[in-house]
Amino acid sequence: MSGRVFGSPMFLGFDHLEQMLERASKGASDGYPPYNIEQMASNKLRITLAVAGFRMDDLQITQEDNQLVIRGRQVEEGEERIYLHRGIASRQFQKAFVLAEGIEIGGAWLDNGLLHIDLFRPQPEVRVKRIEIRQPAQTQAPAASAPAIKPRAPQMLHRVEDIESN
């Protein structure tokens, strides 16, 4: 990743998404098909795979537990071709991405040889709960036979001038 997305101290505990993306990009042993992961918004990601030569019928996208799995397999039709040079890959592939808890798949589309898959994390419902402030609970009830303590009347302070005049 080029920069820390959740590096702010105000986002404690959100670094799991960034770590998940780093693990997914490092864990891919085969680089085919090449792909990008873009952050479209604070809660939206897009995975784009280069699948030139694949039709919609050749591609399958599934969610298996916490994994997004993309499979591609081209069906050879008609007569066999004789290639003098074959530089366009047409092999089958399987690419899996581990999804963090709460990540949902928004949709997928194929456009000009690129397969786009949008992922998003729904915004949590903001709940405000008012907490009542109570008086501390008394641990002992006052004894009925004990005399009540009366507060003393405040004593008057005399000014120095009043004392000297006496």
N, C-alpha and C. Protein backbone atom coordinates (compact mmCIF):
# COMPACT_ATOMS: atom_id res chain seq x y z
N MET A 1 0.85 -1.17 0.00
CA MET A 1 0.00 0.00 0.00
C MET A 1 0.89 1.23 0.00
N SER A 2 0.44 2.25 -0.66
CA SER A 2 1.28 3.44 -0.80
C SER A 2 1.26 4.31 0.44
N GLY A 3 0.18 4.36 1.16
CA GLY A 3 0.09 5.20 2.34
C GLY A 3 -0.83 4.58 3.36
N ARG A 4 -0.67 5.02 4.59
CA ARG A 4 -1.51 4.48 5.63
C ARG A 4 -2.87 5.15 5.57
N VAL A 5 -3.88 4.33 5.37
CA VAL A 5 -5.24 4.83 5.28
C VAL A 5 -5.79 5.11 6.66
N PHE A 6 -5.53 4.20 7.59
CA PHE A 6 -6.10 4.31 8.92
C PHE A 6 -5.02 4.66 9.94
N GLY A 7 -4.04 5.45 9.58
CA GLY A 7 -2.93 5.78 10.45
C GLY A 7 -3.25 6.79 11.53
N SER A 8 -4.40 7.41 11.48
CA SER A 8 -4.76 8.43 12.45
C SER A 8 -5.07 7.79 13.79
N PRO A 9 -4.65 8.42 14.89
CA PRO A 9 -4.98 7.87 16.21
C PRO A 9 -6.47 7.94 16.52
N MET A 10 -7.23 8.64 15.71
CA MET A 10 -8.68 8.71 15.92
C MET A 10 -9.38 7.46 15.41
N PHE A 11 -8.70 6.59 14.69
CA PHE A 11 -9.30 5.39 14.12
C PHE A 11 -8.68 4.14 14.74
N LEU A 12 -8.82 4.00 16.03
CA LEU A 12 -8.27 2.85 16.73
C LEU A 12 -9.05 1.60 16.35
N GLY A 13 -8.34 0.55 16.02
CA GLY A 13 -8.97 -0.72 15.72
C GLY A 13 -9.40 -0.89 14.28
N PHE A 14 -9.16 0.09 13.42
CA PHE A 14 -9.57 -0.01 12.02
C PHE A 14 -8.44 -0.46 11.11
N ASP A 15 -7.29 -0.73 11.67
CA ASP A 15 -6.15 -1.12 10.85
C ASP A 15 -6.28 -2.53 10.29
N HIS A 16 -7.28 -3.30 10.76
CA HIS A 16 -7.46 -4.66 10.25
C HIS A 16 -7.77 -4.67 8.76
N LEU A 17 -8.47 -3.66 8.27
CA LEU A 17 -8.79 -3.62 6.84
C LEU A 17 -7.52 -3.42 6.02
N GLU A 18 -6.66 -2.53 6.48
CA GLU A 18 -5.41 -2.29 5.76
C GLU A 18 -4.52 -3.53 5.81
N GLN A 19 -4.46 -4.19 6.96
CA GLN A 19 -3.66 -5.41 7.07
C GLN A 19 -4.21 -6.52 6.18
N MET A 20 -5.53 -6.61 6.09
CA MET A 20 -6.15 -7.62 5.24
C MET A 20 -5.78 -7.40 3.78
N LEU A 21 -5.77 -6.16 3.34
CA LEU A 21 -5.40 -5.86 1.96
C LEU A 21 -3.93 -6.18 1.70
N GLU A 22 -3.07 -5.88 2.66
CA GLU A 22 -1.65 -6.19 2.50
C GLU A 22 -1.43 -7.70 2.42
N ARG A 23 -2.12 -8.47 3.29
CA ARG A 23 -1.99 -9.93 3.25
C ARG A 23 -2.47 -10.49 1.93
N ALA A 24 -3.58 -9.94 1.43
CA ALA A 24 -4.13 -10.44 0.17
C ALA A 24 -3.17 -10.19 -0.98
N SER A 25 -2.55 -9.01 -1.00
CA SER A 25 -1.64 -8.72 -2.12
C SER A 25 -0.34 -9.50 -2.01
N LYS A 26 0.14 -9.76 -0.79
CA LYS A 26 1.37 -10.53 -0.62
C LYS A 26 1.13 -12.02 -0.77
N GLY A 27 -0.08 -12.47 -0.45
CA GLY A 27 -0.37 -13.89 -0.45
C GLY A 27 -0.61 -14.47 -1.82
N ALA A 28 -0.76 -13.64 -2.82
CA ALA A 28 -1.02 -14.15 -4.17
C ALA A 28 0.29 -14.69 -4.74
N SER A 29 0.34 -16.01 -4.93
CA SER A 29 1.57 -16.60 -5.45
C SER A 29 1.67 -16.42 -6.96
N ASP A 30 0.53 -16.41 -7.62
CA ASP A 30 0.49 -16.26 -9.07
C ASP A 30 -0.02 -14.86 -9.39
N GLY A 31 0.65 -14.17 -10.25
CA GLY A 31 0.24 -12.81 -10.57
C GLY A 31 -0.80 -12.72 -11.66
N TYR A 32 -1.40 -13.85 -12.02
CA TYR A 32 -2.38 -13.84 -13.11
C TYR A 32 -3.76 -14.08 -12.56
N PRO A 33 -4.72 -13.33 -12.94
CA PRO A 33 -4.61 -12.10 -13.73
C PRO A 33 -4.17 -10.94 -12.84
N PRO A 34 -3.53 -9.95 -13.43
CA PRO A 34 -3.15 -8.79 -12.63
C PRO A 34 -4.39 -8.07 -12.12
N TYR A 35 -4.25 -7.42 -10.97
CA TYR A 35 -5.40 -6.73 -10.38
C TYR A 35 -4.96 -5.49 -9.63
N ASN A 36 -5.90 -4.61 -9.42
CA ASN A 36 -5.73 -3.41 -8.60
C ASN A 36 -6.77 -3.44 -7.49
N ILE A 37 -6.43 -2.83 -6.36
CA ILE A 37 -7.39 -2.59 -5.29
C ILE A 37 -7.37 -1.10 -5.04
N GLU A 38 -8.51 -0.46 -5.23
CA GLU A 38 -8.61 0.99 -5.07
C GLU A 38 -9.53 1.31 -3.90
N GLN A 39 -9.21 2.37 -3.19
CA GLN A 39 -10.14 2.87 -2.17
C GLN A 39 -10.93 4.00 -2.81
N MET A 40 -12.22 3.77 -3.00
CA MET A 40 -13.09 4.73 -3.68
C MET A 40 -13.65 5.77 -2.71
N ALA A 41 -13.89 5.38 -1.48
CA ALA A 41 -14.39 6.26 -0.42
C ALA A 41 -13.94 5.64 0.90
N SER A 42 -14.26 6.29 1.99
CA SER A 42 -13.80 5.78 3.28
C SER A 42 -14.35 4.40 3.59
N ASN A 43 -15.49 4.04 3.01
CA ASN A 43 -16.09 2.74 3.28
C ASN A 43 -16.30 1.91 2.01
N LYS A 44 -15.61 2.27 0.92
CA LYS A 44 -15.84 1.58 -0.35
C LYS A 44 -14.51 1.25 -1.02
N LEU A 45 -14.38 -0.02 -1.46
CA LEU A 45 -13.20 -0.48 -2.19
C LEU A 45 -13.63 -1.02 -3.54
N ARG A 46 -12.70 -1.04 -4.49
CA ARG A 46 -12.97 -1.63 -5.79
C ARG A 46 -11.78 -2.50 -6.17
N ILE A 47 -12.08 -3.75 -6.51
CA ILE A 47 -11.07 -4.66 -7.04
C ILE A 47 -11.28 -4.71 -8.55
N THR A 48 -10.21 -4.50 -9.31
CA THR A 48 -10.27 -4.55 -10.76
C THR A 48 -9.27 -5.59 -11.25
N LEU A 49 -9.77 -6.56 -12.02
CA LEU A 49 -8.92 -7.61 -12.58
C LEU A 49 -8.86 -7.45 -14.09
N ALA A 50 -7.67 -7.61 -14.66
CA ALA A 50 -7.49 -7.55 -16.11
C ALA A 50 -7.77 -8.94 -16.67
N VAL A 51 -8.91 -9.09 -17.33
CA VAL A 51 -9.34 -10.40 -17.84
C VAL A 51 -9.62 -10.31 -19.34
N ALA A 52 -8.67 -9.75 -20.09
CA ALA A 52 -8.85 -9.60 -21.53
C ALA A 52 -9.08 -10.97 -22.16
N GLY A 53 -10.05 -11.03 -23.06
CA GLY A 53 -10.36 -12.27 -23.76
C GLY A 53 -11.42 -13.11 -23.07
N PHE A 54 -11.76 -12.79 -21.82
CA PHE A 54 -12.80 -13.54 -21.11
C PHE A 54 -14.15 -12.86 -21.32
N ARG A 55 -15.17 -13.68 -21.55
CA ARG A 55 -16.54 -13.18 -21.64
C ARG A 55 -17.20 -13.34 -20.28
N MET A 56 -18.38 -12.73 -20.14
CA MET A 56 -19.10 -12.85 -18.87
C MET A 56 -19.38 -14.31 -18.53
N ASP A 57 -19.68 -15.12 -19.54
CA ASP A 57 -19.97 -16.54 -19.30
C ASP A 57 -18.74 -17.32 -18.85
N ASP A 58 -17.55 -16.78 -19.09
CA ASP A 58 -16.31 -17.46 -18.71
C ASP A 58 -15.91 -17.17 -17.27
N LEU A 59 -16.57 -16.22 -16.63
CA LEU A 59 -16.18 -15.75 -15.30
C LEU A 59 -17.23 -16.14 -14.27
N GLN A 60 -16.77 -16.42 -13.06
CA GLN A 60 -17.66 -16.75 -11.96
C GLN A 60 -17.14 -16.06 -10.70
N ILE A 61 -18.03 -15.38 -9.99
CA ILE A 61 -17.68 -14.71 -8.74
C ILE A 61 -18.55 -15.31 -7.64
N THR A 62 -17.91 -15.78 -6.57
CA THR A 62 -18.66 -16.33 -5.44
C THR A 62 -18.09 -15.79 -4.14
N GLN A 63 -18.93 -15.81 -3.11
CA GLN A 63 -18.47 -15.50 -1.77
C GLN A 63 -18.58 -16.79 -0.97
N GLU A 64 -17.44 -17.27 -0.50
CA GLU A 64 -17.37 -18.50 0.26
C GLU A 64 -16.86 -18.16 1.65
N ASP A 65 -17.78 -18.15 2.61
CA ASP A 65 -17.50 -17.71 3.98
C ASP A 65 -16.96 -16.28 3.92
N ASN A 66 -15.72 -16.08 4.35
CA ASN A 66 -15.17 -14.73 4.35
C ASN A 66 -14.22 -14.50 3.18
N GLN A 67 -14.39 -15.25 2.10
CA GLN A 67 -13.53 -15.09 0.93
C GLN A 67 -14.34 -14.73 -0.30
N LEU A 68 -13.80 -13.80 -1.06
CA LEU A 68 -14.32 -13.48 -2.38
C LEU A 68 -13.48 -14.27 -3.37
N VAL A 69 -14.12 -15.14 -4.15
CA VAL A 69 -13.39 -16.01 -5.08
C VAL A 69 -13.83 -15.69 -6.50
N ILE A 70 -12.86 -15.40 -7.36
CA ILE A 70 -13.11 -15.12 -8.78
C ILE A 70 -12.45 -16.24 -9.58
N ARG A 71 -13.24 -16.87 -10.44
CA ARG A 71 -12.73 -17.95 -11.28
C ARG A 71 -12.97 -17.58 -12.74
N GLY A 72 -12.01 -17.93 -13.57
CA GLY A 72 -12.15 -17.72 -15.00
C GLY A 72 -11.71 -18.95 -15.76
N ARG A 73 -12.53 -19.32 -16.74
CA ARG A 73 -12.18 -20.48 -17.57
C ARG A 73 -12.77 -20.25 -18.95
N GLN A 74 -11.90 -20.16 -19.94
CA GLN A 74 -12.35 -19.97 -21.31
C GLN A 74 -12.65 -21.32 -21.93
N VAL A 75 -13.79 -21.39 -22.57
CA VAL A 75 -14.19 -22.61 -23.26
C VAL A 75 -13.73 -22.50 -24.71
N GLU A 76 -12.96 -23.46 -25.13
CA GLU A 76 -12.47 -23.47 -26.51
C GLU A 76 -13.60 -23.94 -27.42
N GLU A 77 -13.88 -23.14 -28.41
CA GLU A 77 -14.97 -23.48 -29.34
C GLU A 77 -14.40 -23.74 -30.73
N GLY A 78 -15.04 -24.64 -31.42
CA GLY A 78 -14.68 -24.86 -32.82
C GLY A 78 -13.37 -25.58 -33.00
N GLU A 79 -12.76 -25.30 -34.13
CA GLU A 79 -11.53 -26.00 -34.50
C GLU A 79 -10.34 -25.45 -33.72
N GLU A 80 -9.34 -26.28 -33.62
CA GLU A 80 -8.13 -25.86 -32.92
C GLU A 80 -7.37 -24.87 -33.78
N ARG A 81 -6.80 -23.89 -33.11
CA ARG A 81 -6.02 -22.87 -33.81
C ARG A 81 -4.54 -23.21 -33.74
N ILE A 82 -3.84 -22.80 -34.76
CA ILE A 82 -2.40 -22.96 -34.77
C ILE A 82 -1.82 -21.56 -34.62
N TYR A 83 -1.14 -21.33 -33.49
CA TYR A 83 -0.58 -20.02 -33.19
C TYR A 83 0.88 -19.98 -33.64
N LEU A 84 1.25 -18.92 -34.35
CA LEU A 84 2.65 -18.68 -34.66
C LEU A 84 3.32 -17.98 -33.48
N HIS A 85 2.55 -17.17 -32.77
CA HIS A 85 2.99 -16.54 -31.52
C HIS A 85 1.77 -16.39 -30.64
N ARG A 86 1.88 -16.79 -29.40
CA ARG A 86 0.75 -16.67 -28.48
C ARG A 86 1.21 -15.86 -27.28
N GLY A 87 0.84 -14.58 -27.26
CA GLY A 87 1.22 -13.68 -26.18
C GLY A 87 0.06 -13.31 -25.27
N ILE A 88 -1.15 -13.64 -25.68
CA ILE A 88 -2.33 -13.33 -24.87
C ILE A 88 -2.68 -14.56 -24.05
N ALA A 89 -2.62 -14.41 -22.74
CA ALA A 89 -2.91 -15.53 -21.86
C ALA A 89 -4.39 -15.86 -21.91
N SER A 90 -4.69 -17.14 -21.98
CA SER A 90 -6.08 -17.57 -21.98
C SER A 90 -6.26 -18.78 -21.07
N ARG A 91 -5.44 -18.84 -20.06
CA ARG A 91 -5.53 -19.98 -19.14
C ARG A 91 -6.60 -19.73 -18.09
N GLN A 92 -6.99 -20.78 -17.45
CA GLN A 92 -7.97 -20.62 -16.38
C GLN A 92 -7.27 -20.07 -15.14
N PHE A 93 -8.04 -19.45 -14.27
CA PHE A 93 -7.46 -18.88 -13.06
C PHE A 93 -8.47 -18.94 -11.93
N GLN A 94 -7.94 -18.79 -10.73
CA GLN A 94 -8.76 -18.61 -9.53
C GLN A 94 -8.03 -17.62 -8.65
N LYS A 95 -8.72 -16.58 -8.24
CA LYS A 95 -8.14 -15.55 -7.39
C LYS A 95 -9.06 -15.40 -6.18
N ALA A 96 -8.49 -15.46 -4.98
CA ALA A 96 -9.28 -15.36 -3.75
C ALA A 96 -8.79 -14.19 -2.91
N PHE A 97 -9.73 -13.45 -2.36
CA PHE A 97 -9.45 -12.32 -1.48
C PHE A 97 -10.17 -12.57 -0.15
N VAL A 98 -9.45 -12.44 0.95
CA VAL A 98 -10.05 -12.59 2.27
C VAL A 98 -10.77 -11.30 2.61
N LEU A 99 -12.04 -11.41 2.98
CA LEU A 99 -12.84 -10.24 3.33
C LEU A 99 -12.90 -10.09 4.84
N ALA A 100 -12.73 -8.87 5.30
CA ALA A 100 -12.88 -8.59 6.73
C ALA A 100 -14.35 -8.72 7.11
N GLU A 101 -14.58 -8.95 8.39
CA GLU A 101 -15.95 -9.07 8.86
C GLU A 101 -16.71 -7.77 8.59
N GLY A 102 -17.90 -7.90 8.06
CA GLY A 102 -18.74 -6.74 7.78
C GLY A 102 -18.61 -6.21 6.37
N ILE A 103 -17.62 -6.66 5.60
CA ILE A 103 -17.46 -6.21 4.22
C ILE A 103 -18.51 -6.91 3.35
N GLU A 104 -19.20 -6.14 2.53
CA GLU A 104 -20.22 -6.70 1.65
C GLU A 104 -19.85 -6.42 0.20
N ILE A 105 -20.34 -7.29 -0.68
CA ILE A 105 -20.08 -7.15 -2.12
C ILE A 105 -21.20 -6.31 -2.71
N GLY A 106 -20.83 -5.21 -3.34
CA GLY A 106 -21.82 -4.28 -3.88
C GLY A 106 -22.26 -4.62 -5.29
N GLY A 107 -21.40 -5.23 -6.07
CA GLY A 107 -21.74 -5.56 -7.45
C GLY A 107 -20.48 -5.78 -8.26
N ALA A 108 -20.68 -6.28 -9.49
CA ALA A 108 -19.56 -6.55 -10.38
C ALA A 108 -20.00 -6.29 -11.81
N TRP A 109 -19.05 -5.84 -12.64
CA TRP A 109 -19.33 -5.64 -14.06
C TRP A 109 -18.05 -5.80 -14.85
N LEU A 110 -18.24 -6.19 -16.11
CA LEU A 110 -17.15 -6.41 -17.04
C LEU A 110 -17.18 -5.30 -18.08
N ASP A 111 -16.06 -4.59 -18.24
CA ASP A 111 -16.01 -3.45 -19.15
C ASP A 111 -14.64 -3.40 -19.81
N ASN A 112 -14.61 -3.57 -21.12
CA ASN A 112 -13.37 -3.46 -21.91
C ASN A 112 -12.25 -4.35 -21.37
N GLY A 113 -12.56 -5.58 -21.02
CA GLY A 113 -11.54 -6.51 -20.56
C GLY A 113 -11.16 -6.35 -19.10
N LEU A 114 -11.85 -5.49 -18.37
CA LEU A 114 -11.59 -5.30 -16.94
C LEU A 114 -12.82 -5.72 -16.15
N LEU A 115 -12.61 -6.58 -15.16
CA LEU A 115 -13.68 -7.01 -14.27
C LEU A 115 -13.59 -6.17 -13.00
N HIS A 116 -14.63 -5.41 -12.72
CA HIS A 116 -14.68 -4.53 -11.55
C HIS A 116 -15.61 -5.14 -10.51
N ILE A 117 -15.17 -5.16 -9.26
CA ILE A 117 -15.99 -5.66 -8.15
C ILE A 117 -15.94 -4.62 -7.05
N ASP A 118 -17.11 -4.10 -6.68
CA ASP A 118 -17.19 -3.10 -5.62
C ASP A 118 -17.49 -3.78 -4.29
N LEU A 119 -16.74 -3.38 -3.27
CA LEU A 119 -16.93 -3.85 -1.91
C LEU A 119 -17.22 -2.65 -1.03
N PHE A 120 -18.03 -2.84 -0.01
CA PHE A 120 -18.29 -1.73 0.89
C PHE A 120 -18.52 -2.24 2.30
N ARG A 121 -18.29 -1.36 3.25
CA ARG A 121 -18.58 -1.62 4.65
C ARG A 121 -19.74 -0.70 5.02
N PRO A 122 -20.90 -1.29 5.34
CA PRO A 122 -22.05 -0.45 5.68
C PRO A 122 -21.73 0.44 6.87
N GLN A 123 -22.23 1.67 6.81
CA GLN A 123 -22.04 2.59 7.91
C GLN A 123 -22.84 2.10 9.11
N PRO A 124 -22.20 1.99 10.26
CA PRO A 124 -22.95 1.54 11.43
C PRO A 124 -23.99 2.60 11.82
N GLU A 125 -25.09 2.11 12.34
CA GLU A 125 -26.15 3.01 12.79
C GLU A 125 -25.64 3.77 14.00
N VAL A 126 -25.76 5.09 13.94
CA VAL A 126 -25.31 5.92 15.05
C VAL A 126 -26.40 5.90 16.11
N ARG A 127 -26.04 5.38 17.26
CA ARG A 127 -26.99 5.32 18.36
C ARG A 127 -26.48 6.21 19.48
N VAL A 128 -27.39 6.99 20.02
CA VAL A 128 -27.07 7.83 21.16
C VAL A 128 -27.84 7.29 22.35
N LYS A 129 -27.14 6.98 23.40
CA LYS A 129 -27.78 6.46 24.59
C LYS A 129 -27.47 7.40 25.74
N ARG A 130 -28.52 7.85 26.38
CA ARG A 130 -28.34 8.76 27.52
C ARG A 130 -28.15 7.92 28.77
N ILE A 131 -27.14 8.25 29.54
CA ILE A 131 -26.81 7.53 30.77
C ILE A 131 -27.28 8.38 31.94
N GLU A 132 -28.11 7.78 32.78
CA GLU A 132 -28.65 8.50 33.95
C GLU A 132 -27.58 8.57 35.03
N ILE A 133 -27.48 9.73 35.65
CA ILE A 133 -26.55 9.92 36.76
C ILE A 133 -27.38 9.82 38.03
N ARG A 134 -27.02 8.88 38.91
CA ARG A 134 -27.79 8.65 40.13
C ARG A 134 -26.97 9.02 41.34
N GLN A 135 -27.68 9.19 42.44
CA GLN A 135 -27.03 9.39 43.73
C GLN A 135 -26.42 8.07 44.16
N PRO A 136 -25.33 8.12 44.92
CA PRO A 136 -24.75 6.86 45.38
C PRO A 136 -25.72 6.15 46.33
N ALA A 137 -25.76 4.87 46.27
CA ALA A 137 -26.63 4.08 47.13
C ALA A 137 -26.07 4.09 48.54
N GLN A 138 -26.97 4.22 49.55
CA GLN A 138 -26.53 4.19 50.94
C GLN A 138 -26.26 2.75 51.32
N THR A 139 -25.15 2.55 52.01
CA THR A 139 -24.80 1.18 52.39
C THR A 139 -25.46 0.76 53.69
N GLN A 140 -25.73 1.71 54.60
CA GLN A 140 -26.37 1.38 55.86
C GLN A 140 -27.52 2.35 56.09
N ALA A 141 -28.61 1.82 56.60
CA ALA A 141 -29.73 2.69 56.95
C ALA A 141 -29.41 3.33 58.30
N PRO A 142 -29.76 4.61 58.50
CA PRO A 142 -29.47 5.25 59.80
C PRO A 142 -30.26 4.56 60.91
N ALA A 143 -29.63 4.39 62.05
CA ALA A 143 -30.28 3.75 63.20
C ALA A 143 -31.39 4.65 63.72
N ALA A 144 -32.53 4.06 64.08
CA ALA A 144 -33.68 4.84 64.54
C ALA A 144 -33.45 5.43 65.91
N SER A 145 -32.67 4.76 66.76
CA SER A 145 -32.48 5.25 68.12
C SER A 145 -31.36 6.27 68.23
N ALA A 146 -30.56 6.40 67.24
CA ALA A 146 -29.44 7.34 67.30
C ALA A 146 -29.98 8.76 67.19
N PRO A 147 -29.48 9.65 68.04
CA PRO A 147 -29.96 11.04 67.97
C PRO A 147 -29.47 11.70 66.68
N ALA A 148 -30.29 12.52 66.17
CA ALA A 148 -29.93 13.25 64.95
C ALA A 148 -28.89 14.29 65.29
N ILE A 149 -27.94 14.44 64.44
CA ILE A 149 -26.89 15.44 64.64
C ILE A 149 -27.39 16.74 64.04
N LYS A 150 -27.39 17.78 64.91
CA LYS A 150 -27.84 19.09 64.46
C LYS A 150 -26.63 19.88 63.99
N PRO A 151 -26.75 20.55 62.90
CA PRO A 151 -25.63 21.37 62.45
C PRO A 151 -25.44 22.56 63.39
N ARG A 152 -24.20 22.91 63.62
CA ARG A 152 -23.92 24.06 64.48
C ARG A 152 -24.14 25.34 63.71
N ALA A 153 -24.52 26.32 64.44
CA ALA A 153 -24.69 27.64 63.84
C ALA A 153 -23.31 28.19 63.52
N PRO A 154 -23.18 28.85 62.41
CA PRO A 154 -21.86 29.40 62.08
C PRO A 154 -21.45 30.46 63.10
N GLN A 155 -20.20 30.42 63.47
CA GLN A 155 -19.70 31.39 64.42
C GLN A 155 -19.35 32.66 63.67
N MET A 156 -19.59 33.76 64.35
CA MET A 156 -19.33 35.06 63.75
C MET A 156 -17.85 35.38 63.87
N LEU A 157 -17.31 35.88 62.86
CA LEU A 157 -15.94 36.37 62.90
C LEU A 157 -15.99 37.85 63.22
N HIS A 158 -15.17 38.25 64.10
CA HIS A 158 -15.15 39.66 64.47
C HIS A 158 -14.00 40.33 63.75
N ARG A 159 -14.27 41.55 63.38
CA ARG A 159 -13.21 42.32 62.77
C ARG A 159 -12.24 42.76 63.84
N VAL A 160 -11.01 42.94 63.49
CA VAL A 160 -9.98 43.35 64.44
C VAL A 160 -10.36 44.67 65.08
N GLU A 161 -10.96 45.57 64.37
CA GLU A 161 -11.34 46.88 64.91
C GLU A 161 -12.39 46.73 66.01
N ASP A 162 -13.33 45.78 65.82
CA ASP A 162 -14.37 45.58 66.83
C ASP A 162 -13.77 45.02 68.11
N ILE A 163 -12.77 44.16 68.00
CA ILE A 163 -12.17 43.57 69.18
C ILE A 163 -11.38 44.63 69.93
N GLU A 164 -10.67 45.49 69.25
CA GLU A 164 -9.85 46.52 69.89
C GLU A 164 -10.72 47.56 70.57
N SER A 165 -11.90 47.79 70.08
CA SER A 165 -12.75 48.81 70.70
C SER A 165 -13.37 48.30 71.98
N ASN A 166 -13.40 47.01 72.22
CA ASN A 166 -13.98 46.46 73.47
C ASN A 166 -13.03 46.56 74.57
